[in-house]
All heavy atoms as atom14 arrays in JSON, in Angstrom:
{
  "sequence": "LLPGQRVRLTEPWPGAPVFGRVALTLTVTAPGGARATGATSAWFLPR",
  "atom14_mask": [
    [1, 1, 1, 1, 1, 1, 1, 1, 0, 0, 0, 0, 0, 0],
    [1, 1, 1, 1, 1, 1, 1, 1, 0, 0, 0, 0, 0, 0],
    [1, 1, 1, 1, 1, 1, 1, 0, 0, 0, 0, 0, 0, 0],
    [1, 1, 1, 1, 0, 0, 0, 0, 0, 0, 0, 0, 0, 0],
    [1, 1, 1, 1, 1, 1, 1, 1, 1, 0, 0, 0, 0, 0],
    [1, 1, 1, 1, 1, 1, 1, 1, 1, 1, 1, 0, 0, 0],
    [1, 1, 1, 1, 1, 1, 1, 0, 0, 0, 0, 0, 0, 0],
    [1, 1, 1, 1, 1, 1, 1, 1, 1, 1, 1, 0, 0, 0],
    [1, 1, 1, 1, 1, 1, 1, 1, 0, 0, 0, 0, 0, 0],
    [1, 1, 1, 1, 1, 1, 1, 0, 0, 0, 0, 0, 0, 0],
    [1, 1, 1, 1, 1, 1, 1, 1, 1, 0, 0, 0, 0, 0],
    [1, 1, 1, 1, 1, 1, 1, 0, 0, 0, 0, 0, 0, 0],
    [1, 1, 1, 1, 1, 1, 1, 1, 1, 1, 1, 1, 1, 1],
    [1, 1, 1, 1, 1, 1, 1, 0, 0, 0, 0, 0, 0, 0],
    [1, 1, 1, 1, 0, 0, 0, 0, 0, 0, 0, 0, 0, 0],
    [1, 1, 1, 1, 1, 0, 0, 0, 0, 0, 0, 0, 0, 0],
    [1, 1, 1, 1, 1, 1, 1, 0, 0, 0, 0, 0, 0, 0],
    [1, 1, 1, 1, 1, 1, 1, 0, 0, 0, 0, 0, 0, 0],
    [1, 1, 1, 1, 1, 1, 1, 1, 1, 1, 1, 0, 0, 0],
    [1, 1, 1, 1, 0, 0, 0, 0, 0, 0, 0, 0, 0, 0],
    [1, 1, 1, 1, 1, 1, 1, 1, 1, 1, 1, 0, 0, 0],
    [1, 1, 1, 1, 1, 1, 1, 0, 0, 0, 0, 0, 0, 0],
    [1, 1, 1, 1, 1, 0, 0, 0, 0, 0, 0, 0, 0, 0],
    [1, 1, 1, 1, 1, 1, 1, 1, 0, 0, 0, 0, 0, 0],
    [1, 1, 1, 1, 1, 1, 1, 0, 0, 0, 0, 0, 0, 0],
    [1, 1, 1, 1, 1, 1, 1, 1, 0, 0, 0, 0, 0, 0],
    [1, 1, 1, 1, 1, 1, 1, 0, 0, 0, 0, 0, 0, 0],
    [1, 1, 1, 1, 1, 1, 1, 0, 0, 0, 0, 0, 0, 0],
    [1, 1, 1, 1, 1, 1, 1, 0, 0, 0, 0, 0, 0, 0],
    [1, 1, 1, 1, 1, 0, 0, 0, 0, 0, 0, 0, 0, 0],
    [1, 1, 1, 1, 1, 1, 1, 0, 0, 0, 0, 0, 0, 0],
    [1, 1, 1, 1, 0, 0, 0, 0, 0, 0, 0, 0, 0, 0],
    [1, 1, 1, 1, 0, 0, 0, 0, 0, 0, 0, 0, 0, 0],
    [1, 1, 1, 1, 1, 0, 0, 0, 0, 0, 0, 0, 0, 0],
    [1, 1, 1, 1, 1, 1, 1, 1, 1, 1, 1, 0, 0, 0],
    [1, 1, 1, 1, 1, 0, 0, 0, 0, 0, 0, 0, 0, 0],
    [1, 1, 1, 1, 1, 1, 1, 0, 0, 0, 0, 0, 0, 0],
    [1, 1, 1, 1, 0, 0, 0, 0, 0, 0, 0, 0, 0, 0],
    [1, 1, 1, 1, 1, 0, 0, 0, 0, 0, 0, 0, 0, 0],
    [1, 1, 1, 1, 1, 1, 1, 0, 0, 0, 0, 0, 0, 0],
    [1, 1, 1, 1, 1, 1, 0, 0, 0, 0, 0, 0, 0, 0],
    [1, 1, 1, 1, 1, 0, 0, 0, 0, 0, 0, 0, 0, 0],
    [1, 1, 1, 1, 1, 1, 1, 1, 1, 1, 1, 1, 1, 1],
    [1, 1, 1, 1, 1, 1, 1, 1, 1, 1, 1, 0, 0, 0],
    [1, 1, 1, 1, 1, 1, 1, 1, 0, 0, 0, 0, 0, 0],
    [1, 1, 1, 1, 1, 1, 1, 0, 0, 0, 0, 0, 0, 0],
    [1, 1, 1, 1, 1, 1, 1, 1, 1, 1, 1, 0, 0, 0]
  ],
  "atom14_positions": [
    [[-19.15, 3.1, -35.19], [-19.16, 1.92, -34.32], [-19.81, 0.75, -35.05], [-21.01, 0.77, -35.34], [-19.91, 2.24, -33.03], [-19.86, 1.2, -31.92], [-18.42, 0.91, -31.51], [-20.66, 1.68, -30.71], [0.0, 0.0, 0.0], [0.0, 0.0, 0.0], [0.0, 0.0, 0.0], [0.0, 0.0, 0.0], [0.0, 0.0, 0.0], [0.0, 0.0, 0.0]],
    [[-19.01, -0.26, -35.34], [-19.49, -1.41, -36.11], [-20.27, -2.38, -35.23], [-20.09, -2.39, -34.0], [-18.3, -2.12, -36.76], [-17.43, -1.25, -37.68], [-16.28, -2.07, -38.24], [-18.27, -0.64, -38.8], [0.0, 0.0, 0.0], [0.0, 0.0, 0.0], [0.0, 0.0, 0.0], [0.0, 0.0, 0.0], [0.0, 0.0, 0.0], [0.0, 0.0, 0.0]],
    [[-21.12, -3.2, -35.83], [-21.93, -4.15, -35.04], [-21.06, -5.08, -34.2], [-20.05, -5.61, -34.67], [-22.71, -4.92, -36.1], [-22.77, -4.01, -37.28], [-21.47, -3.27, -37.26], [0.0, 0.0, 0.0], [0.0, 0.0, 0.0], [0.0, 0.0, 0.0], [0.0, 0.0, 0.0], [0.0, 0.0, 0.0], [0.0, 0.0, 0.0], [0.0, 0.0, 0.0]],
    [[-21.45, -5.23, -32.92], [-20.75, -6.14, -32.03], [-19.43, -5.63, -31.51], [-18.74, -6.34, -30.76], [0.0, 0.0, 0.0], [0.0, 0.0, 0.0], [0.0, 0.0, 0.0], [0.0, 0.0, 0.0], [0.0, 0.0, 0.0], [0.0, 0.0, 0.0], [0.0, 0.0, 0.0], [0.0, 0.0, 0.0], [0.0, 0.0, 0.0], [0.0, 0.0, 0.0]],
    [[-19.05, -4.39, -31.81], [-17.75, -3.87, -31.42], [-17.84, -3.07, -30.12], [-18.87, -2.49, -29.8], [-17.15, -3.02, -32.53], [-16.89, -3.79, -33.82], [-15.82, -4.83, -33.65], [-14.67, -4.53, -33.35], [-16.19, -6.1, -33.84], [0.0, 0.0, 0.0], [0.0, 0.0, 0.0], [0.0, 0.0, 0.0], [0.0, 0.0, 0.0], [0.0, 0.0, 0.0]],
    [[-16.73, -3.04, -29.4], [-16.61, -2.31, -28.13], [-15.41, -1.38, -28.24], [-14.31, -1.82, -28.61], [-16.42, -3.3, -26.99], [-16.1, -2.68, -25.63], [-15.72, -3.77, -24.63], [-16.84, -4.66, -24.4], [-17.71, -4.52, -23.42], [-17.58, -3.51, -22.56], [-18.7, -5.38, -23.26], [0.0, 0.0, 0.0], [0.0, 0.0, 0.0], [0.0, 0.0, 0.0]],
    [[-15.6, -0.11, -27.9], [-14.5, 0.87, -27.97], [-14.44, 1.66, -26.67], [-15.45, 1.87, -26.0], [-14.68, 1.83, -29.17], [-14.66, 1.07, -30.48], [-15.97, 2.64, -29.05], [0.0, 0.0, 0.0], [0.0, 0.0, 0.0], [0.0, 0.0, 0.0], [0.0, 0.0, 0.0], [0.0, 0.0, 0.0], [0.0, 0.0, 0.0], [0.0, 0.0, 0.0]],
    [[-13.24, 2.07, -26.32], [-13.0, 2.9, -25.14], [-12.63, 4.3, -25.61], [-11.61, 4.5, -26.3], [-11.88, 2.31, -24.3], [-11.59, 3.04, -22.99], [-12.72, 2.86, -22.01], [-12.41, 3.46, -20.71], [-13.29, 3.55, -19.72], [-14.52, 3.08, -19.89], [-12.97, 4.1, -18.58], [0.0, 0.0, 0.0], [0.0, 0.0, 0.0], [0.0, 0.0, 0.0]],
    [[-13.44, 5.29, -25.23], [-13.27, 6.65, -25.73], [-13.06, 7.62, -24.57], [-13.39, 7.32, -23.41], [-14.5, 7.08, -26.54], [-14.9, 6.18, -27.72], [-16.18, 6.68, -28.36], [-13.78, 6.1, -28.74], [0.0, 0.0, 0.0], [0.0, 0.0, 0.0], [0.0, 0.0, 0.0], [0.0, 0.0, 0.0], [0.0, 0.0, 0.0], [0.0, 0.0, 0.0]],
    [[-12.53, 8.78, -24.88], [-12.38, 9.86, -23.91], [-13.01, 11.12, -24.48], [-13.02, 11.34, -25.69], [-10.9, 10.11, -23.58], [-10.18, 10.42, -24.78], [-10.28, 8.9, -22.92], [0.0, 0.0, 0.0], [0.0, 0.0, 0.0], [0.0, 0.0, 0.0], [0.0, 0.0, 0.0], [0.0, 0.0, 0.0], [0.0, 0.0, 0.0], [0.0, 0.0, 0.0]],
    [[-13.5, 11.94, -23.58], [-14.14, 13.2, -23.96], [-13.58, 14.33, -23.1], [-13.65, 14.28, -21.86], [-15.65, 13.1, -23.75], [-16.42, 14.35, -24.11], [-16.5, 14.58, -25.61], [-16.16, 13.65, -26.38], [-16.89, 15.69, -26.03], [0.0, 0.0, 0.0], [0.0, 0.0, 0.0], [0.0, 0.0, 0.0], [0.0, 0.0, 0.0], [0.0, 0.0, 0.0]],
    [[-12.98, 15.36, -23.71], [-12.51, 16.49, -22.91], [-13.67, 17.15, -22.18], [-14.77, 17.3, -22.73], [-11.89, 17.44, -23.96], [-11.62, 16.57, -25.15], [-12.69, 15.52, -25.14], [0.0, 0.0, 0.0], [0.0, 0.0, 0.0], [0.0, 0.0, 0.0], [0.0, 0.0, 0.0], [0.0, 0.0, 0.0], [0.0, 0.0, 0.0], [0.0, 0.0, 0.0]],
    [[-13.41, 17.56, -20.94], [-14.45, 18.22, -20.13], [-13.84, 19.46, -19.47], [-13.51, 19.45, -18.3], [-15.01, 17.26, -19.08], [-16.17, 17.8, -18.31], [-17.04, 18.77, -18.71], [-16.58, 17.4, -17.01], [-17.98, 19.0, -17.73], [-17.73, 18.17, -16.68], [-16.11, 16.47, -16.1], [-18.39, 18.03, -15.45], [-16.77, 16.31, -14.88], [-17.9, 17.09, -14.57]],
    [[-13.68, 20.53, -20.24], [-13.07, 21.72, -19.67], [-13.91, 22.38, -18.58], [-13.4, 23.19, -17.83], [-12.92, 22.65, -20.89], [-13.95, 22.16, -21.87], [-14.04, 20.68, -21.66], [0.0, 0.0, 0.0], [0.0, 0.0, 0.0], [0.0, 0.0, 0.0], [0.0, 0.0, 0.0], [0.0, 0.0, 0.0], [0.0, 0.0, 0.0], [0.0, 0.0, 0.0]],
    [[-15.19, 22.03, -18.49], [-16.04, 22.61, -17.45], [-16.02, 21.85, -16.15], [-16.82, 22.14, -15.25], [0.0, 0.0, 0.0], [0.0, 0.0, 0.0], [0.0, 0.0, 0.0], [0.0, 0.0, 0.0], [0.0, 0.0, 0.0], [0.0, 0.0, 0.0], [0.0, 0.0, 0.0], [0.0, 0.0, 0.0], [0.0, 0.0, 0.0], [0.0, 0.0, 0.0]],
    [[-15.14, 20.87, -15.99], [-15.08, 20.11, -14.74], [-14.74, 21.03, -13.57], [-13.86, 21.89, -13.69], [-14.04, 19.0, -14.86], [0.0, 0.0, 0.0], [0.0, 0.0, 0.0], [0.0, 0.0, 0.0], [0.0, 0.0, 0.0], [0.0, 0.0, 0.0], [0.0, 0.0, 0.0], [0.0, 0.0, 0.0], [0.0, 0.0, 0.0], [0.0, 0.0, 0.0]],
    [[-15.42, 20.89, -12.44], [-15.13, 21.77, -11.3], [-13.8, 21.42, -10.67], [-13.22, 20.36, -10.93], [-16.29, 21.48, -10.33], [-16.69, 20.09, -10.66], [-16.49, 19.92, -12.13], [0.0, 0.0, 0.0], [0.0, 0.0, 0.0], [0.0, 0.0, 0.0], [0.0, 0.0, 0.0], [0.0, 0.0, 0.0], [0.0, 0.0, 0.0], [0.0, 0.0, 0.0]],
    [[-13.3, 22.31, -9.82], [-12.07, 22.04, -9.07], [-12.35, 21.67, -7.63], [-11.45, 21.26, -6.9], [-11.13, 23.27, -9.13], [-10.67, 23.54, -10.54], [-11.82, 24.51, -8.54], [0.0, 0.0, 0.0], [0.0, 0.0, 0.0], [0.0, 0.0, 0.0], [0.0, 0.0, 0.0], [0.0, 0.0, 0.0], [0.0, 0.0, 0.0], [0.0, 0.0, 0.0]],
    [[-13.62, 21.84, -7.2], [-13.97, 21.49, -5.82], [-15.44, 21.07, -5.78], [-16.3, 21.68, -6.43], [-13.75, 22.7, -4.89], [-14.07, 22.39, -3.45], [-13.16, 21.69, -2.67], [-15.28, 22.78, -2.9], [-13.46, 21.4, -1.35], [-15.57, 22.49, -1.58], [-14.66, 21.8, -0.8], [0.0, 0.0, 0.0], [0.0, 0.0, 0.0], [0.0, 0.0, 0.0]],
    [[-15.71, 20.02, -5.03], [-17.09, 19.58, -4.83], [-17.36, 18.21, -5.44], [-16.53, 17.63, -6.13], [0.0, 0.0, 0.0], [0.0, 0.0, 0.0], [0.0, 0.0, 0.0], [0.0, 0.0, 0.0], [0.0, 0.0, 0.0], [0.0, 0.0, 0.0], [0.0, 0.0, 0.0], [0.0, 0.0, 0.0], [0.0, 0.0, 0.0], [0.0, 0.0, 0.0]],
    [[-18.56, 17.73, -5.16], [-18.99, 16.44, -5.68], [-19.95, 16.66, -6.84], [-20.85, 17.5, -6.76], [-19.69, 15.62, -4.58], [-20.12, 14.23, -5.01], [-20.75, 13.49, -3.83], [-21.12, 12.14, -4.2], [-22.25, 11.8, -4.79], [-23.14, 12.73, -5.08], [-22.52, 10.53, -5.08], [0.0, 0.0, 0.0], [0.0, 0.0, 0.0], [0.0, 0.0, 0.0]],
    [[-19.77, 15.89, -7.93], [-20.57, 16.07, -9.14], [-21.12, 14.72, -9.59], [-20.4, 13.71, -9.58], [-19.72, 16.69, -10.28], [-20.52, 16.74, -11.57], [-19.26, 18.09, -9.9], [0.0, 0.0, 0.0], [0.0, 0.0, 0.0], [0.0, 0.0, 0.0], [0.0, 0.0, 0.0], [0.0, 0.0, 0.0], [0.0, 0.0, 0.0], [0.0, 0.0, 0.0]],
    [[-22.41, 14.71, -9.97], [-23.03, 13.54, -10.58], [-23.05, 13.75, -12.09], [-23.55, 14.77, -12.57], [-24.43, 13.33, -10.05], [0.0, 0.0, 0.0], [0.0, 0.0, 0.0], [0.0, 0.0, 0.0], [0.0, 0.0, 0.0], [0.0, 0.0, 0.0], [0.0, 0.0, 0.0], [0.0, 0.0, 0.0], [0.0, 0.0, 0.0], [0.0, 0.0, 0.0]],
    [[-22.5, 12.81, -12.82], [-22.29, 12.95, -14.26], [-23.16, 11.94, -15.01], [-23.21, 10.77, -14.64], [-20.82, 12.72, -14.59], [-20.27, 13.28, -15.9], [-20.31, 14.8, -15.88], [-18.85, 12.79, -16.11], [0.0, 0.0, 0.0], [0.0, 0.0, 0.0], [0.0, 0.0, 0.0], [0.0, 0.0, 0.0], [0.0, 0.0, 0.0], [0.0, 0.0, 0.0]],
    [[-23.85, 12.41, -16.07], [-24.67, 11.53, -16.9], [-24.3, 11.72, -18.36], [-24.31, 12.84, -18.87], [-26.17, 11.82, -16.71], [-26.5, 11.67, -15.33], [-27.02, 10.87, -17.55], [0.0, 0.0, 0.0], [0.0, 0.0, 0.0], [0.0, 0.0, 0.0], [0.0, 0.0, 0.0], [0.0, 0.0, 0.0], [0.0, 0.0, 0.0], [0.0, 0.0, 0.0]],
    [[-23.96, 10.61, -19.02], [-23.65, 10.62, -20.45], [-24.83, 10.03, -21.21], [-25.32, 8.96, -20.86], [-22.4, 9.79, -20.74], [-21.03, 10.48, -20.6], [-20.8, 10.92, -19.16], [-19.92, 9.54, -21.04], [0.0, 0.0, 0.0], [0.0, 0.0, 0.0], [0.0, 0.0, 0.0], [0.0, 0.0, 0.0], [0.0, 0.0, 0.0], [0.0, 0.0, 0.0]],
    [[-25.27, 10.75, -22.23], [-26.36, 10.27, -23.08], [-25.83, 10.14, -24.51], [-25.33, 11.11, -25.08], [-27.55, 11.23, -23.04], [-28.01, 11.36, -21.7], [-28.69, 10.7, -23.91], [0.0, 0.0, 0.0], [0.0, 0.0, 0.0], [0.0, 0.0, 0.0], [0.0, 0.0, 0.0], [0.0, 0.0, 0.0], [0.0, 0.0, 0.0], [0.0, 0.0, 0.0]],
    [[-25.95, 8.93, -25.06], [-25.46, 8.66, -26.42], [-26.65, 8.24, -27.27], [-27.42, 7.35, -26.88], [-24.38, 7.56, -26.42], [-23.9, 7.3, -27.84], [-23.21, 7.98, -25.54], [0.0, 0.0, 0.0], [0.0, 0.0, 0.0], [0.0, 0.0, 0.0], [0.0, 0.0, 0.0], [0.0, 0.0, 0.0], [0.0, 0.0, 0.0], [0.0, 0.0, 0.0]],
    [[-26.8, 8.88, -28.41], [-27.86, 8.53, -29.36], [-27.24, 8.26, -30.73], [-26.09, 8.64, -31.0], [-28.89, 9.67, -29.48], [-28.2, 10.87, -29.88], [-29.58, 9.93, -28.14], [0.0, 0.0, 0.0], [0.0, 0.0, 0.0], [0.0, 0.0, 0.0], [0.0, 0.0, 0.0], [0.0, 0.0, 0.0], [0.0, 0.0, 0.0], [0.0, 0.0, 0.0]],
    [[-28.01, 7.61, -31.59], [-27.55, 7.31, -32.95], [-28.77, 7.16, -33.84], [-29.87, 6.82, -33.36], [-26.71, 6.04, -32.97], [0.0, 0.0, 0.0], [0.0, 0.0, 0.0], [0.0, 0.0, 0.0], [0.0, 0.0, 0.0], [0.0, 0.0, 0.0], [0.0, 0.0, 0.0], [0.0, 0.0, 0.0], [0.0, 0.0, 0.0], [0.0, 0.0, 0.0]],
    [[-28.65, 7.43, -35.14], [-29.77, 7.24, -36.06], [-30.32, 5.82, -35.98], [-29.57, 4.87, -35.78], [-29.15, 7.52, -37.43], [-27.99, 8.43, -37.14], [-27.46, 7.98, -35.82], [0.0, 0.0, 0.0], [0.0, 0.0, 0.0], [0.0, 0.0, 0.0], [0.0, 0.0, 0.0], [0.0, 0.0, 0.0], [0.0, 0.0, 0.0], [0.0, 0.0, 0.0]],
    [[-31.63, 5.72, -36.13], [-32.27, 4.43, -36.0], [-32.94, 4.21, -34.67], [-33.49, 3.14, -34.41], [0.0, 0.0, 0.0], [0.0, 0.0, 0.0], [0.0, 0.0, 0.0], [0.0, 0.0, 0.0], [0.0, 0.0, 0.0], [0.0, 0.0, 0.0], [0.0, 0.0, 0.0], [0.0, 0.0, 0.0], [0.0, 0.0, 0.0], [0.0, 0.0, 0.0]],
    [[-32.88, 5.23, -33.77], [-33.54, 5.12, -32.47], [-32.66, 4.61, -31.36], [-33.14, 4.35, -30.25], [0.0, 0.0, 0.0], [0.0, 0.0, 0.0], [0.0, 0.0, 0.0], [0.0, 0.0, 0.0], [0.0, 0.0, 0.0], [0.0, 0.0, 0.0], [0.0, 0.0, 0.0], [0.0, 0.0, 0.0], [0.0, 0.0, 0.0], [0.0, 0.0, 0.0]],
    [[-31.37, 4.46, -31.59], [-30.48, 3.99, -30.52], [-30.29, 5.09, -29.48], [-30.04, 6.25, -29.82], [-29.14, 3.57, -31.1], [0.0, 0.0, 0.0], [0.0, 0.0, 0.0], [0.0, 0.0, 0.0], [0.0, 0.0, 0.0], [0.0, 0.0, 0.0], [0.0, 0.0, 0.0], [0.0, 0.0, 0.0], [0.0, 0.0, 0.0], [0.0, 0.0, 0.0]],
    [[-30.41, 4.71, -28.21], [-30.23, 5.67, -27.11], [-29.77, 4.9, -25.87], [-30.32, 3.84, -25.55], [-31.52, 6.42, -26.81], [-31.4, 7.41, -25.64], [-32.74, 8.06, -25.34], [-32.68, 8.92, -24.17], [-32.31, 10.19, -24.19], [-32.01, 10.76, -25.35], [-32.28, 10.91, -23.08], [0.0, 0.0, 0.0], [0.0, 0.0, 0.0], [0.0, 0.0, 0.0]],
    [[-28.77, 5.44, -25.19], [-28.26, 4.8, -23.98], [-27.65, 5.87, -23.08], [-27.22, 6.93, -23.55], [-27.23, 3.73, -24.3], [0.0, 0.0, 0.0], [0.0, 0.0, 0.0], [0.0, 0.0, 0.0], [0.0, 0.0, 0.0], [0.0, 0.0, 0.0], [0.0, 0.0, 0.0], [0.0, 0.0, 0.0], [0.0, 0.0, 0.0], [0.0, 0.0, 0.0]],
    [[-27.65, 5.6, -21.77], [-27.06, 6.52, -20.8], [-26.09, 5.76, -19.89], [-26.23, 4.56, -19.66], [-28.13, 7.2, -19.93], [-28.87, 6.19, -19.23], [-29.07, 8.03, -20.78], [0.0, 0.0, 0.0], [0.0, 0.0, 0.0], [0.0, 0.0, 0.0], [0.0, 0.0, 0.0], [0.0, 0.0, 0.0], [0.0, 0.0, 0.0], [0.0, 0.0, 0.0]],
    [[-25.13, 6.48, -19.38], [-24.2, 5.97, -18.39], [-23.93, 7.06, -17.38], [-23.92, 8.25, -17.72], [0.0, 0.0, 0.0], [0.0, 0.0, 0.0], [0.0, 0.0, 0.0], [0.0, 0.0, 0.0], [0.0, 0.0, 0.0], [0.0, 0.0, 0.0], [0.0, 0.0, 0.0], [0.0, 0.0, 0.0], [0.0, 0.0, 0.0], [0.0, 0.0, 0.0]],
    [[-23.73, 6.69, -16.12], [-23.59, 7.69, -15.06], [-22.46, 7.31, -14.11], [-22.09, 6.14, -13.98], [-24.9, 7.84, -14.3], [0.0, 0.0, 0.0], [0.0, 0.0, 0.0], [0.0, 0.0, 0.0], [0.0, 0.0, 0.0], [0.0, 0.0, 0.0], [0.0, 0.0, 0.0], [0.0, 0.0, 0.0], [0.0, 0.0, 0.0], [0.0, 0.0, 0.0]],
    [[-21.94, 8.33, -13.45], [-20.95, 8.15, -12.4], [-20.96, 9.4, -11.53], [-21.6, 10.41, -11.87], [-19.54, 7.9, -12.97], [-18.66, 7.52, -11.91], [-18.99, 9.16, -13.64], [0.0, 0.0, 0.0], [0.0, 0.0, 0.0], [0.0, 0.0, 0.0], [0.0, 0.0, 0.0], [0.0, 0.0, 0.0], [0.0, 0.0, 0.0], [0.0, 0.0, 0.0]],
    [[-20.26, 9.38, -10.41], [-20.1, 10.56, -9.56], [-18.63, 10.66, -9.16], [-17.92, 9.65, -9.12], [-20.98, 10.47, -8.31], [-20.65, 9.32, -7.55], [0.0, 0.0, 0.0], [0.0, 0.0, 0.0], [0.0, 0.0, 0.0], [0.0, 0.0, 0.0], [0.0, 0.0, 0.0], [0.0, 0.0, 0.0], [0.0, 0.0, 0.0], [0.0, 0.0, 0.0]],
    [[-18.2, 11.86, -8.87], [-16.79, 12.07, -8.56], [-16.63, 13.25, -7.62], [-17.43, 14.2, -7.64], [-15.98, 12.3, -9.84], [0.0, 0.0, 0.0], [0.0, 0.0, 0.0], [0.0, 0.0, 0.0], [0.0, 0.0, 0.0], [0.0, 0.0, 0.0], [0.0, 0.0, 0.0], [0.0, 0.0, 0.0], [0.0, 0.0, 0.0], [0.0, 0.0, 0.0]],
    [[-15.63, 13.16, -6.77], [-15.24, 14.27, -5.89], [-14.07, 15.0, -6.52], [-13.15, 14.38, -7.05], [-14.82, 13.75, -4.52], [-15.97, 13.49, -3.58], [-16.58, 12.3, -3.34], [-16.63, 14.46, -2.77], [-17.6, 12.46, -2.44], [-17.65, 13.78, -2.06], [-16.47, 15.83, -2.59], [-18.49, 14.44, -1.18], [-17.31, 16.48, -1.7], [-18.31, 15.79, -1.0]],
    [[-14.11, 16.33, -6.43], [-13.04, 17.15, -6.96], [-12.44, 17.97, -5.83], [-13.16, 18.67, -5.11], [-13.55, 18.09, -8.06], [-14.04, 17.37, -9.28], [-15.36, 16.97, -9.4], [-13.16, 17.07, -10.31], [-15.8, 16.3, -10.52], [-13.59, 16.41, -11.43], [-14.92, 16.02, -11.54], [0.0, 0.0, 0.0], [0.0, 0.0, 0.0], [0.0, 0.0, 0.0]],
    [[-11.13, 17.86, -5.63], [-10.41, 18.63, -4.64], [-9.14, 19.18, -5.26], [-8.42, 18.44, -5.94], [-10.04, 17.77, -3.42], [-11.16, 17.41, -2.45], [-10.61, 16.46, -1.39], [-11.73, 18.66, -1.78], [0.0, 0.0, 0.0], [0.0, 0.0, 0.0], [0.0, 0.0, 0.0], [0.0, 0.0, 0.0], [0.0, 0.0, 0.0], [0.0, 0.0, 0.0]],
    [[-8.84, 20.46, -5.03], [-7.55, 20.97, -5.5], [-6.41, 20.18, -4.87], [-6.52, 19.7, -3.75], [-7.55, 22.44, -5.04], [-9.0, 22.77, -4.85], [-9.66, 21.5, -4.41], [0.0, 0.0, 0.0], [0.0, 0.0, 0.0], [0.0, 0.0, 0.0], [0.0, 0.0, 0.0], [0.0, 0.0, 0.0], [0.0, 0.0, 0.0], [0.0, 0.0, 0.0]],
    [[-5.32, 20.04, -5.6], [-4.24, 19.21, -5.11], [-3.68, 19.71, -3.79], [-3.39, 18.94, -2.88], [-3.13, 19.15, -6.15], [-3.53, 18.41, -7.42], [-2.37, 18.29, -8.37], [-2.75, 17.54, -9.57], [-1.93, 17.28, -10.56], [-0.67, 17.71, -10.51], [-2.35, 16.59, -11.61], [0.0, 0.0, 0.0], [0.0, 0.0, 0.0], [0.0, 0.0, 0.0]]
  ]
}
């Protein structure tokens, strides 16, 4: 990730539930002391 750049990424999550509500927290770190978190919540229902 270059300075000043913004990227949109995806991460496979094979452990995602098929039913229920889940609170998700992403933690990203990098050498030099960089650390950031992002969160969301989602409902899962079988089709």
